[in-house]
Protein backbone atom coordinates (compact mmCIF):
# COMPACT_ATOMS: atom_id res chain seq x y z
CA MET A 1 16.80 -8.85 -3.87
CA GLN A 2 15.73 -12.16 -5.38
CA THR A 3 13.36 -11.65 -8.29
CA CYS A 4 11.09 -13.99 -10.16
CA PHE A 5 12.02 -12.79 -13.66
CA GLY A 6 15.15 -11.82 -15.50
CA ARG A 7 13.78 -8.29 -15.20
CA ILE A 8 11.51 -6.57 -12.71
CA ASP A 9 9.63 -4.13 -14.94
CA GLY A 10 6.47 -6.24 -14.79
CA ALA A 11 6.51 -6.84 -18.54
CA ASN A 12 6.65 -10.60 -18.38
CA PRO A 13 3.82 -11.69 -20.67
CA ARG A 14 2.63 -14.36 -18.24
CA THR A 15 1.70 -11.71 -15.69
CA MET A 16 -0.27 -9.71 -18.25
CA THR A 17 -2.67 -12.54 -19.15
CA SER A 18 -6.34 -11.71 -18.78
CA SER A 19 -8.04 -13.66 -15.99
CA THR A 20 -10.63 -14.87 -18.50
CA ASP A 21 -7.86 -16.76 -20.32
CA LEU A 22 -6.81 -18.71 -17.22
CA ALA A 23 -8.21 -22.06 -16.17
CA PRO A 24 -9.76 -21.87 -12.70
CA ILE A 25 -8.09 -23.28 -9.61
CA HIS A 26 -10.32 -25.53 -7.55
CA VAL A 27 -10.52 -25.30 -3.75
CA VAL A 28 -12.35 -28.05 -1.88
CA GLY A 29 -13.57 -27.02 1.57
CA ALA A 30 -14.65 -23.54 2.66
CA GLY A 31 -13.39 -23.45 6.22
CA LEU A 32 -10.76 -20.96 7.29
CA ALA A 33 -7.99 -22.47 5.14
CA GLY A 34 -10.12 -22.97 2.03
CA SER A 35 -11.72 -19.54 2.29
CA GLU A 36 -8.33 -17.89 2.67
CA ALA A 37 -6.85 -19.87 -0.22
CA ALA A 38 -9.77 -18.92 -2.48
CA TRP A 39 -9.44 -15.24 -1.54
CA GLN A 40 -5.71 -15.19 -2.30
CA ILE A 41 -6.25 -16.85 -5.68
CA ALA A 42 -9.09 -14.55 -6.70
CA SER A 43 -7.23 -11.48 -5.46
CA ALA A 44 -4.42 -12.40 -7.85
CA GLY A 45 -6.89 -12.23 -10.74
CA ILE A 46 -7.34 -15.96 -11.25
CA PRO A 47 -10.78 -17.64 -11.30
CA VAL A 48 -11.45 -20.03 -8.44
CA ILE A 49 -14.13 -22.66 -7.91
CA LEU A 50 -14.77 -23.08 -4.19
CA THR A 51 -16.66 -26.24 -3.21
CA GLU A 52 -18.28 -26.72 0.20
CA MET A 53 -20.30 -29.80 1.15
CA ARG A 54 -22.45 -28.07 3.76
CA PRO A 55 -25.49 -27.98 3.86
CA ILE A 56 -25.72 -30.91 1.44
CA ARG A 57 -23.83 -32.92 4.01
CA ARG A 58 -23.44 -31.97 7.67
CA THR A 59 -20.57 -32.71 10.05
CA GLU A 60 -20.51 -33.69 13.71
CA ALA A 61 -19.33 -30.23 14.76
CA HIS A 62 -20.72 -27.58 12.38
CA GLN A 63 -24.00 -25.83 13.17
CA THR A 64 -24.51 -23.69 10.03
CA ASP A 65 -23.74 -23.62 6.32
CA GLY A 66 -21.67 -20.42 6.66
CA LEU A 67 -18.15 -20.27 5.28
CA ALA A 68 -15.29 -20.25 7.81
CA GLU A 69 -17.60 -21.29 10.65
CA LEU A 70 -15.80 -21.40 14.01
CA VAL A 71 -16.76 -24.71 15.57
CA CYS A 72 -14.74 -24.53 18.80
CA SER A 73 -13.63 -21.38 20.58
CA ASN A 74 -14.32 -17.91 19.21
CA SER A 75 -10.78 -16.85 20.13
CA PHE A 76 -7.91 -16.33 17.69
CA ARG A 77 -5.71 -16.28 20.81
CA SER A 78 -3.02 -13.71 21.60
CA ASP A 79 -2.71 -10.63 19.40
CA ASP A 80 0.68 -9.66 20.86
CA ALA A 81 2.98 -9.57 17.82
CA ASP A 82 6.11 -8.94 19.89
CA LEU A 83 6.00 -11.63 22.56
CA ASN A 84 3.69 -14.31 21.16
CA ALA A 85 4.12 -16.39 18.00
CA VAL A 86 0.34 -16.47 17.47
CA GLY A 87 0.16 -12.67 17.57
CA LEU A 88 3.09 -12.62 15.17
CA ILE A 89 1.31 -14.80 12.63
CA HIS A 90 -1.70 -12.45 12.99
CA ALA A 91 0.60 -9.61 11.93
CA GLU A 92 2.00 -11.55 8.98
CA LEU A 93 -1.46 -12.50 7.75
CA ARG A 94 -2.56 -8.88 7.92
CA MET A 95 0.53 -7.87 5.93
CA ALA A 96 -0.40 -10.44 3.27
CA GLY A 97 -3.97 -9.18 2.83
CA SER A 98 -5.67 -12.03 4.68
CA LEU A 99 -9.45 -12.22 4.37
CA ILE A 100 -9.67 -14.18 7.62
CA MET A 101 -7.84 -11.51 9.61
CA ALA A 102 -9.79 -8.68 7.97
CA ALA A 103 -13.07 -10.33 8.99
CA ALA A 104 -11.75 -11.11 12.48
CA ASP A 105 -10.61 -7.52 13.06
CA ARG A 106 -13.96 -6.21 11.89
CA HIS A 107 -15.93 -8.46 14.22
CA GLN A 108 -13.72 -8.57 17.31
CA VAL A 109 -15.20 -8.69 20.79
CA PRO A 110 -13.39 -7.80 24.05
CA ALA A 111 -11.11 -10.61 25.26
CA GLY A 112 -8.20 -9.18 27.22
CA GLY A 113 -4.95 -9.75 25.34
CA ALA A 114 -6.61 -12.12 22.87
CA LEU A 115 -8.35 -11.46 19.57
CA ALA A 116 -11.82 -12.98 19.92
CA VAL A 117 -14.67 -12.54 17.45
CA ASP A 118 -18.43 -12.61 17.16
CA ARG A 119 -18.53 -15.98 15.43
CA ASP A 120 -21.72 -15.31 13.44
CA GLY A 121 -20.60 -11.89 12.23
CA PHE A 122 -17.18 -13.26 11.33
CA SER A 123 -18.55 -16.14 9.25
CA ALA A 124 -21.08 -13.86 7.56
CA ALA A 125 -18.31 -11.43 6.56
CA VAL A 126 -16.17 -14.18 5.02
CA SER A 127 -19.21 -15.63 3.24
CA ALA A 128 -20.18 -12.23 1.83
CA ALA A 129 -16.65 -11.42 0.66
CA LEU A 130 -16.29 -14.64 -1.31
CA SER A 131 -19.88 -14.70 -2.59
CA HIS A 132 -19.53 -11.17 -3.98
CA HIS A 133 -16.11 -11.68 -5.55
CA PRO A 134 -16.51 -11.76 -9.36
CA LEU A 135 -13.84 -14.45 -9.78
CA VAL A 136 -15.20 -16.85 -7.15
CA THR A 137 -17.75 -19.54 -8.03
CA LEU A 138 -19.20 -21.20 -4.93
CA ARG A 139 -20.52 -24.74 -5.30
CA ARG A 140 -22.44 -26.66 -2.65
CA GLU A 141 -21.69 -30.33 -3.16
CA ALA A 142 -19.76 -33.17 -1.54
CA VAL A 143 -16.45 -34.22 -3.08
CA VAL A 144 -16.00 -37.91 -2.33
CA GLU A 145 -12.79 -38.68 -4.18
CA LEU A 146 -9.58 -36.91 -5.07
CA PRO A 147 -9.48 -35.18 -8.46
CA GLY A 148 -7.47 -36.95 -11.15
CA GLU A 149 -4.17 -35.86 -12.67
CA ASP A 150 -5.99 -34.18 -15.56
CA ASP A 151 -8.46 -32.28 -13.38
CA GLY A 152 -6.28 -29.21 -12.95
CA LEU A 153 -4.79 -27.48 -9.93
CA THR A 154 -6.76 -28.24 -6.79
CA ILE A 155 -6.36 -27.39 -3.10
CA ILE A 156 -7.88 -29.85 -0.63
CA ALA A 157 -8.81 -27.88 2.49
CA THR A 158 -11.48 -30.17 3.89
CA GLY A 159 -10.23 -29.76 7.43
CA PRO A 160 -10.14 -32.26 10.27
CA LEU A 161 -13.66 -33.46 9.46
CA THR A 162 -12.90 -34.69 5.96
CA ALA A 163 -15.68 -36.87 4.52
CA PRO A 164 -14.92 -40.57 5.06
CA GLU A 165 -15.04 -41.34 1.33
CA LEU A 166 -12.54 -38.59 0.53
CA ALA A 167 -10.28 -39.68 3.40
CA GLU A 168 -10.36 -43.21 2.00
CA SER A 169 -9.50 -41.85 -1.45
CA ILE A 170 -6.45 -40.13 0.07
CA ARG A 171 -5.41 -43.28 1.86
CA THR A 172 -5.79 -45.36 -1.29
CA LEU A 173 -3.67 -42.98 -3.35
CA THR A 174 -0.89 -42.43 -0.84
CA GLY A 175 -0.73 -45.89 0.68
CA ALA A 176 -0.43 -44.20 4.08
CA ASP A 177 -3.03 -44.21 6.81
CA ALA A 178 -4.11 -40.78 8.02
CA LEU A 179 -3.39 -40.03 11.65
CA ALA A 180 -6.20 -38.81 13.90
CA PHE A 181 -6.82 -37.10 17.22
CA PHE A 182 -9.82 -35.92 19.20
CA ASP A 183 -10.77 -32.26 19.40
CA ALA A 184 -13.25 -31.13 22.06
CA ILE A 185 -15.67 -28.18 22.19
CA ALA A 186 -16.28 -25.99 25.27
CA PRO A 187 -19.80 -25.08 26.50
CA ILE A 188 -21.32 -21.63 25.95
CA VAL A 189 -23.42 -20.02 28.70
CA HIS A 190 -26.18 -17.40 28.47
CA ALA A 191 -24.91 -14.23 30.21
CA GLU A 192 -28.15 -13.55 32.03
CA SER A 193 -27.89 -16.89 33.85
CA ILE A 194 -24.48 -16.08 35.40
CA ASP A 195 -24.61 -14.86 39.02
CA MET A 196 -22.75 -11.54 38.98
CA GLY A 197 -23.02 -11.41 42.75
CA ILE A 198 -20.28 -14.06 42.68
CA ALA A 199 -18.54 -13.65 39.31
CA TRP A 200 -16.65 -10.48 38.42
CA ARG A 201 -15.18 -8.88 35.32
CA GLN A 202 -11.40 -8.78 34.97
CA SER A 203 -8.74 -9.78 32.45
CA ARG A 204 -5.75 -11.61 33.81
CA TYR A 205 -3.25 -8.97 34.98
CA ASP A 206 -5.81 -6.38 33.77
CA LYS A 207 -4.50 -6.74 30.21
CA ALA A 208 -6.72 -4.93 27.73
CA GLY A 209 -5.68 -6.33 24.35
CA PRO A 210 -7.40 -5.56 21.01
CA GLY A 211 -10.84 -4.06 21.52
CA GLY A 212 -10.71 -4.78 25.24
CA THR A 213 -10.81 -2.78 28.47
CA GLY A 214 -8.82 -4.90 30.91
CA ALA A 215 -12.07 -6.30 32.32
CA ASP A 216 -13.02 -8.64 29.52
CA TYR A 217 -13.47 -12.02 31.23
CA LEU A 218 -16.00 -13.22 33.77
CA ASN A 219 -14.28 -14.94 36.70
CA CYS A 220 -15.82 -17.54 39.01
CA PRO A 221 -13.75 -18.20 42.18
CA MET A 222 -13.43 -21.49 44.03
CA THR A 223 -12.28 -22.34 47.53
CA ARG A 224 -10.11 -25.42 48.08
CA GLU A 225 -13.14 -27.44 49.18
CA GLN A 226 -15.19 -26.36 46.17
CA TYR A 227 -12.31 -27.09 43.80
CA GLU A 228 -11.63 -30.57 45.16
CA ALA A 229 -15.33 -31.45 45.05
CA PHE A 230 -15.49 -30.23 41.45
CA VAL A 231 -12.49 -32.31 40.39
CA ALA A 232 -13.96 -35.37 42.09
CA ALA A 233 -17.23 -34.83 40.19
CA LEU A 234 -15.34 -34.54 36.89
CA LEU A 235 -13.57 -37.83 37.52
CA THR A 236 -16.74 -39.76 38.32
CA ALA A 237 -19.10 -38.16 35.78
CA GLU A 238 -20.37 -40.29 32.92
CA LYS A 239 -18.46 -39.70 29.71
CA THR A 240 -19.14 -40.23 26.04
CA SER A 241 -18.19 -43.76 25.05
CA PHE A 242 -15.88 -44.40 22.15
CA LYS A 243 -16.48 -46.59 19.17
CA GLU A 244 -14.03 -49.46 18.87
CA TRP A 245 -12.10 -47.82 16.02
CA GLU A 246 -11.77 -44.58 18.02
CA ALA A 247 -10.38 -46.11 21.21
CA SER A 248 -6.69 -45.71 20.34
CA THR A 249 -6.95 -42.23 18.82
CA PRO A 250 -4.74 -39.77 20.75
CA TYR A 251 -5.84 -36.35 21.99
CA PHE A 252 -4.08 -33.16 20.91
CA ASP A 253 -2.32 -31.86 24.02
CA GLY A 254 -3.32 -28.27 23.25
CA CYS A 255 -7.04 -29.10 23.46
CA LEU A 256 -7.44 -31.75 26.14
CA PRO A 257 -10.93 -32.33 27.56
CA ILE A 258 -11.27 -30.85 31.05
CA GLU A 259 -11.91 -34.26 32.59
CA VAL A 260 -8.81 -35.74 30.93
CA MET A 261 -6.72 -32.94 32.46
CA ALA A 262 -8.29 -33.72 35.84
CA GLU A 263 -7.21 -37.35 35.49
CA ARG A 264 -3.58 -36.21 35.39
CA GLY A 265 -3.63 -35.10 39.01
CA LEU A 266 -5.56 -33.02 41.54
CA GLU A 267 -3.53 -29.86 40.90
CA THR A 268 -3.41 -30.07 37.10
CA LEU A 269 -6.39 -27.78 36.48
CA ARG A 270 -5.04 -25.18 38.94
CA PHE A 271 -1.94 -24.91 36.77
CA GLY A 272 -3.97 -24.95 33.57
CA PRO A 273 -7.29 -23.30 32.64
CA MET A 274 -8.28 -22.72 36.30
CA LYS A 275 -5.08 -21.04 37.46
CA PRO A 276 -5.85 -18.30 40.05
CA VAL A 277 -3.08 -15.85 39.08
CA GLY A 278 -3.35 -12.24 37.94
CA LEU A 279 -6.88 -11.91 39.27
CA THR A 280 -8.37 -10.35 42.44
CA ASP A 281 -11.91 -10.97 43.65
CA PRO A 282 -13.28 -7.46 44.35
CA MET A 283 -15.89 -8.93 46.70
CA ASN A 284 -13.23 -10.62 48.82
CA PRO A 285 -9.90 -8.95 47.92
CA SER A 286 -8.01 -10.19 50.98
CA VAL A 287 -8.55 -13.87 50.12
CA LYS A 288 -6.88 -15.44 47.11
CA PRO A 289 -9.17 -17.95 45.36
CA HIS A 290 -7.85 -21.50 45.25
CA ALA A 291 -8.93 -21.80 41.59
CA ILE A 292 -10.81 -19.65 39.07
CA VAL A 293 -13.00 -20.53 36.10
CA GLN A 294 -12.96 -17.90 33.35
CA LEU A 295 -15.61 -17.20 30.72
CA ARG A 296 -14.89 -15.25 27.55
CA GLN A 297 -17.40 -13.19 25.56
CA ASP A 298 -18.55 -15.20 22.55
CA ASN A 299 -20.68 -12.73 20.57
CA ALA A 300 -20.80 -9.00 19.90
CA LEU A 301 -23.93 -8.51 22.00
CA GLY A 302 -22.24 -9.98 25.05
CA THR A 303 -25.14 -12.36 25.61
CA LEU A 304 -23.09 -15.55 25.22
CA TRP A 305 -19.96 -16.54 27.17
CA ASN A 306 -17.56 -19.40 26.44
CA MET A 307 -16.12 -21.46 29.31
CA VAL A 308 -12.38 -21.06 28.70
CA GLY A 309 -10.51 -24.36 28.54
CA PHE A 310 -13.63 -26.42 29.33
CA GLN A 311 -13.76 -28.55 26.21
CA THR A 312 -15.28 -31.83 27.30
CA LYS A 313 -16.52 -35.29 26.42
CA LEU A 314 -18.92 -35.56 29.37
CA LYS A 315 -22.46 -36.54 28.49
CA TYR A 316 -24.84 -33.59 28.22
CA ALA A 317 -26.76 -34.26 31.45
CA GLU A 318 -23.48 -34.65 33.33
CA GLN A 319 -22.15 -31.37 31.94
CA SER A 320 -25.17 -29.49 33.24
CA ARG A 321 -24.85 -31.13 36.66
CA VAL A 322 -21.09 -30.81 37.12
CA PHE A 323 -20.58 -27.35 35.63
CA ARG A 324 -23.37 -25.91 37.78
CA MET A 325 -21.17 -26.78 40.78
CA ILE A 326 -18.99 -23.81 39.77
CA PRO A 327 -19.74 -20.75 41.96
CA GLY A 328 -21.64 -18.24 39.83
CA LEU A 329 -22.95 -20.94 37.47
CA ALA A 330 -25.42 -22.65 39.79
CA ASN A 331 -28.29 -21.53 37.54
CA ALA A 332 -26.36 -21.56 34.28
CA GLU A 333 -28.34 -21.94 31.08
CA PHE A 334 -26.26 -23.39 28.26
CA ALA A 335 -26.61 -22.11 24.70
CA ARG A 336 -24.37 -24.98 23.63
CA LEU A 337 -22.97 -27.87 25.61
CA GLY A 338 -19.52 -29.25 24.98
CA GLY A 339 -18.82 -32.02 22.53
CA LEU A 340 -16.16 -34.19 20.98
CA HIS A 341 -15.25 -35.01 17.43
CA ARG A 342 -12.54 -36.92 15.68
CA ASN A 343 -10.04 -34.90 13.68
CA THR A 344 -8.07 -36.42 10.82
CA TYR A 345 -4.76 -35.17 9.50
CA LEU A 346 -2.06 -36.35 7.11
CA ASN A 347 1.44 -37.55 7.81
CA SER A 348 2.34 -34.42 5.85
CA PRO A 349 6.16 -34.53 6.06
CA ASN A 350 6.06 -37.83 4.18
CA LEU A 351 3.22 -37.01 1.81
CA LEU A 352 3.65 -33.32 0.89
CA ASP A 353 6.48 -31.37 -0.72
CA ALA A 354 7.78 -27.98 0.45
CA THR A 355 4.95 -26.15 -1.35
CA LEU A 356 2.17 -28.40 0.03
CA ARG A 357 1.82 -30.50 -3.12
CA LEU A 358 0.89 -34.14 -2.72
CA LYS A 359 3.94 -36.04 -3.91
CA ALA A 360 1.82 -38.83 -5.33
CA ARG A 361 -0.26 -36.37 -7.40
CA PRO A 362 1.42 -32.95 -7.76
CA ASN A 363 -1.63 -31.17 -9.18
CA LEU A 364 -3.12 -31.46 -5.69
CA ARG A 365 -2.21 -29.31 -2.69
CA PHE A 366 -3.43 -29.64 0.88
CA ALA A 367 -4.11 -26.81 3.30
CA GLY A 368 -5.37 -26.21 6.81
CA GLN A 369 -5.75 -28.60 9.71
CA ILE A 370 -5.68 -31.67 7.52
CA THR A 371 -1.97 -30.94 7.01
CA GLY A 372 -1.24 -31.18 10.74
CA CYS A 373 -1.28 -27.54 11.75
CA GLU A 374 -3.51 -26.75 14.74
CA GLY A 375 -5.52 -23.58 15.33
CA TYR A 376 -7.62 -21.08 13.43
CA VAL A 377 -4.90 -18.68 12.34
CA GLU A 378 -2.46 -21.48 11.63
CA SER A 379 -5.03 -23.05 9.29
CA ALA A 380 -5.63 -19.71 7.61
CA ALA A 381 -1.87 -19.19 7.18
CA ILE A 382 -1.39 -22.55 5.49
CA GLY A 383 -4.42 -21.79 3.31
CA LEU A 384 -2.90 -18.45 2.35
CA LEU A 385 0.37 -20.13 1.38
CA ALA A 386 -1.36 -22.89 -0.59
CA GLY A 387 -3.34 -20.26 -2.49
CA ARG A 388 -0.27 -18.22 -3.31
CA PHE A 389 1.71 -21.31 -4.36
CA ALA A 390 -1.15 -22.31 -6.67
CA VAL A 391 -1.21 -18.80 -8.17
CA ALA A 392 2.50 -18.93 -8.91
CA GLU A 393 2.17 -22.38 -10.46
CA ARG A 394 -0.79 -21.32 -12.60
CA LEU A 395 1.21 -18.33 -13.90
CA GLY A 396 4.31 -20.44 -14.50
CA LEU A 397 6.35 -18.55 -11.93
CA PRO A 398 8.89 -19.80 -9.39
CA LEU A 399 7.42 -20.98 -6.11
CA LEU A 400 8.95 -18.96 -3.30
CA PRO A 401 8.16 -20.30 0.18
CA PRO A 402 8.22 -17.72 2.98
CA PRO A 403 11.45 -17.58 4.96
CA ALA A 404 11.73 -20.09 7.79
CA THR A 405 12.45 -17.16 10.10
CA SER A 406 8.86 -15.94 9.68
CA ALA A 407 5.92 -17.39 11.61
CA ALA A 408 4.25 -18.63 8.43
CA GLY A 409 7.51 -20.10 7.16
CA ALA A 410 8.30 -21.82 10.46
CA LEU A 411 4.83 -23.38 10.52
CA LEU A 412 5.16 -24.50 6.89
CA ASN A 413 8.55 -25.99 7.69
CA HIS A 414 7.03 -28.01 10.53
CA VAL A 415 4.23 -29.31 8.35
CA THR A 416 6.48 -30.26 5.44
CA GLY A 417 9.36 -31.81 7.37
CA GLY A 418 10.78 -29.54 10.03
CA HIS A 419 9.92 -32.00 12.79
CA ILE A 420 12.42 -34.59 11.54
CA VAL A 421 15.39 -35.21 13.83
CA ALA A 422 18.66 -34.11 12.26
CA GLU A 423 20.78 -37.03 13.51
CA GLU A 424 20.95 -39.77 10.91
CA ASP A 425 20.36 -42.62 13.33
CA ALA A 426 17.57 -40.97 15.27
CA GLY A 427 14.93 -41.12 12.55
CA PRO A 428 11.76 -39.01 12.43
CA ARG A 429 9.72 -38.29 15.52
CA SER A 430 6.03 -39.10 15.43
CA PHE A 431 4.34 -36.25 13.55
CA GLN A 432 1.75 -34.44 15.66
CA PRO A 433 -0.46 -31.37 15.14
CA MET A 434 1.27 -28.16 16.14
CA ASN A 435 0.29 -24.60 16.98
CA VAL A 436 2.74 -21.95 15.85
CA ASN A 437 5.30 -21.26 18.57
CA PHE A 438 8.76 -19.78 18.87
CA GLY A 439 10.23 -23.26 19.24
CA LEU A 440 9.66 -23.75 15.49
CA PHE A 441 11.81 -20.74 14.57
CA PRO A 442 15.54 -20.83 13.72
CA PRO A 443 17.46 -19.67 16.82
CA ILE A 444 18.69 -16.12 17.24
CA GLU A 445 21.45 -14.67 19.38
CA VAL A 446 20.45 -11.92 21.78
CA LYS A 447 23.23 -9.85 23.29
CA LYS A 448 23.09 -8.37 26.75
CA PRO A 449 22.17 -4.67 26.56
CA GLU A 450 24.89 -2.21 27.49
CA GLY A 451 24.88 -1.26 31.13
CA VAL A 452 22.90 -4.33 32.18
CA LYS A 453 24.82 -6.46 34.69
CA ARG A 454 22.45 -9.41 34.83
CA PHE A 455 20.58 -10.54 31.76
CA ARG A 456 18.73 -13.79 32.23
CA GLY A 457 15.42 -15.33 33.08
CA THR A 458 12.27 -13.50 32.01
CA GLU A 459 14.13 -10.44 30.76
CA LYS A 460 16.30 -12.49 28.42
CA ALA A 461 13.38 -14.64 27.26
CA GLN A 462 11.33 -11.57 26.36
CA ALA A 463 14.28 -9.97 24.58
CA LYS A 464 14.70 -13.15 22.53
CA LYS A 465 11.01 -13.21 21.58
CA ARG A 466 11.13 -9.56 20.54
CA ALA A 467 14.19 -10.25 18.41
CA LEU A 468 12.59 -13.29 16.78
CA SER A 469 9.44 -11.26 16.07
CA ALA A 470 11.33 -8.30 14.63
CA ARG A 471 13.36 -10.57 12.35
CA ALA A 472 10.22 -12.44 11.28
CA ARG A 473 8.29 -9.31 10.32
CA ALA A 474 11.24 -7.89 8.38
CA ASP A 475 11.89 -11.14 6.51
CA PHE A 476 8.20 -11.72 5.80
CA ALA A 477 7.84 -8.17 4.44
CA GLN A 478 10.81 -8.76 2.16
CA TRP A 479 9.23 -12.01 0.94
CA LEU A 480 6.03 -10.14 0.08
CA VAL A 481 8.05 -7.63 -1.94
CA GLU A 482 9.73 -10.47 -3.83
CA ILE A 483 6.55 -12.31 -4.72
CA LYS A 484 4.84 -9.06 -5.68
CA THR A 485 7.14 -8.97 -8.68
CA CYS A 486 5.83 -12.43 -9.60
CA THR A 487 2.13 -11.73 -9.87
CA ARG A 488 -0.13 -8.76 -10.25
CA THR A 489 -2.43 -8.07 -7.33
CA VAL A 490 -6.07 -7.12 -7.77
CA THR A 491 -7.42 -5.48 -4.63
CA HIS A 492 -11.06 -6.07 -3.71
CA THR A 493 -12.83 -4.37 -0.86
CA LEU A 494 -14.23 -6.66 1.84
CA PRO A 495 -18.02 -6.14 1.53
CA GLU A 496 -20.28 -5.83 4.51
CA ALA A 497 -22.30 -8.91 5.39
CA ASN A 498 -26.06 -8.54 5.44
CA ASP A 499 -27.21 -8.24 9.06
């Protein structure tokens, strides 16, 4: 086993230093990545100063001043740690003592095979945990320029909505323009306004998932005529206009506005968020719907439901008109209409080293969506790694990145250079935001089981995913053992948020 010291008896004097003797590590931004980074640092016994600009300065997307506010969906996506890379990174974060996953597990709401949360309860739990931690100092102020070389170790986790002044400071230092894409928000509907004489409860393929029953989504069916009329309305509805400087900003393919998907062809939505598979209308079981709109529970009370995949840039009045064409939503009352905001991220493979340090100023690390990872848990994972790297650096210990065979390691590898084409003449591909997926993992050979004559298609694909997941969990667990010899761990109980 690789160790961090010449001996593993824990007697290295650097690990025995009192936390009061250590200079604090600064974390700028208290979203999912910044909150997770701060938790990891404080849990290692090192003081941390966590700075959040809200409510001093608002953003286009945030509604509250809570830490780790979820501004888009309330879903952490699949919790299947065997067959889904997102579920696998859930498992790794739990193994590493993630605050974000602890709060998500505590405040989960039914969502089929996904892990979805009560967004208010989740944010309150994260806020309470960090506010009550004796080594965390929370500051409410806007940081408008990068810290200097003499300002100590700092993690910039300002997310995709980084303040313009700070973004300009980054650009000035690095000499590289930040890339940007649009991220859209789906509407939320009041449950009591949904017509349950038309909609029905069912998860796709009746899958229960964490905290679920197999009947966790509300489903609104459409006939061919209804579907085609709906698509036509999407295409002709009035949309939010772009400012001149936003016109050439690309969308992230994993979060396309519903009307942009509709522009790609009449059948696109039926093979995307409105696919009618794995679901049976109990009020008309002999007829298969042509398309289905799903809504997912958005809060613990079950009073709010999120329109799955319906992120949009339609104007508010148009959203109300067009979305009420959906059977079951004719009288829908919206708790929140969809919206659109510009997300900014770095060309990280060129700007950051393998431990997320800014090459132009190594006392700075970046974490979360600003690095080019996409998704809640991906942001938290990069925040966790940035926090642990900063801890090791503060203690003067070797920096041990997680193995590339793990979900966290594969994601880190993508952010810090894994996207680059191997062939010398090919050059780097254009760096784009990425969710964790098995395509980022080093390949693995899966042998045909004994006694099986034919081993291909779905069976082989699932066997490969299970093998990748098993290898990832084993390698990630070994990494945690190795870094545990590097730094002492102080365990703090996650406090209850005040209701």
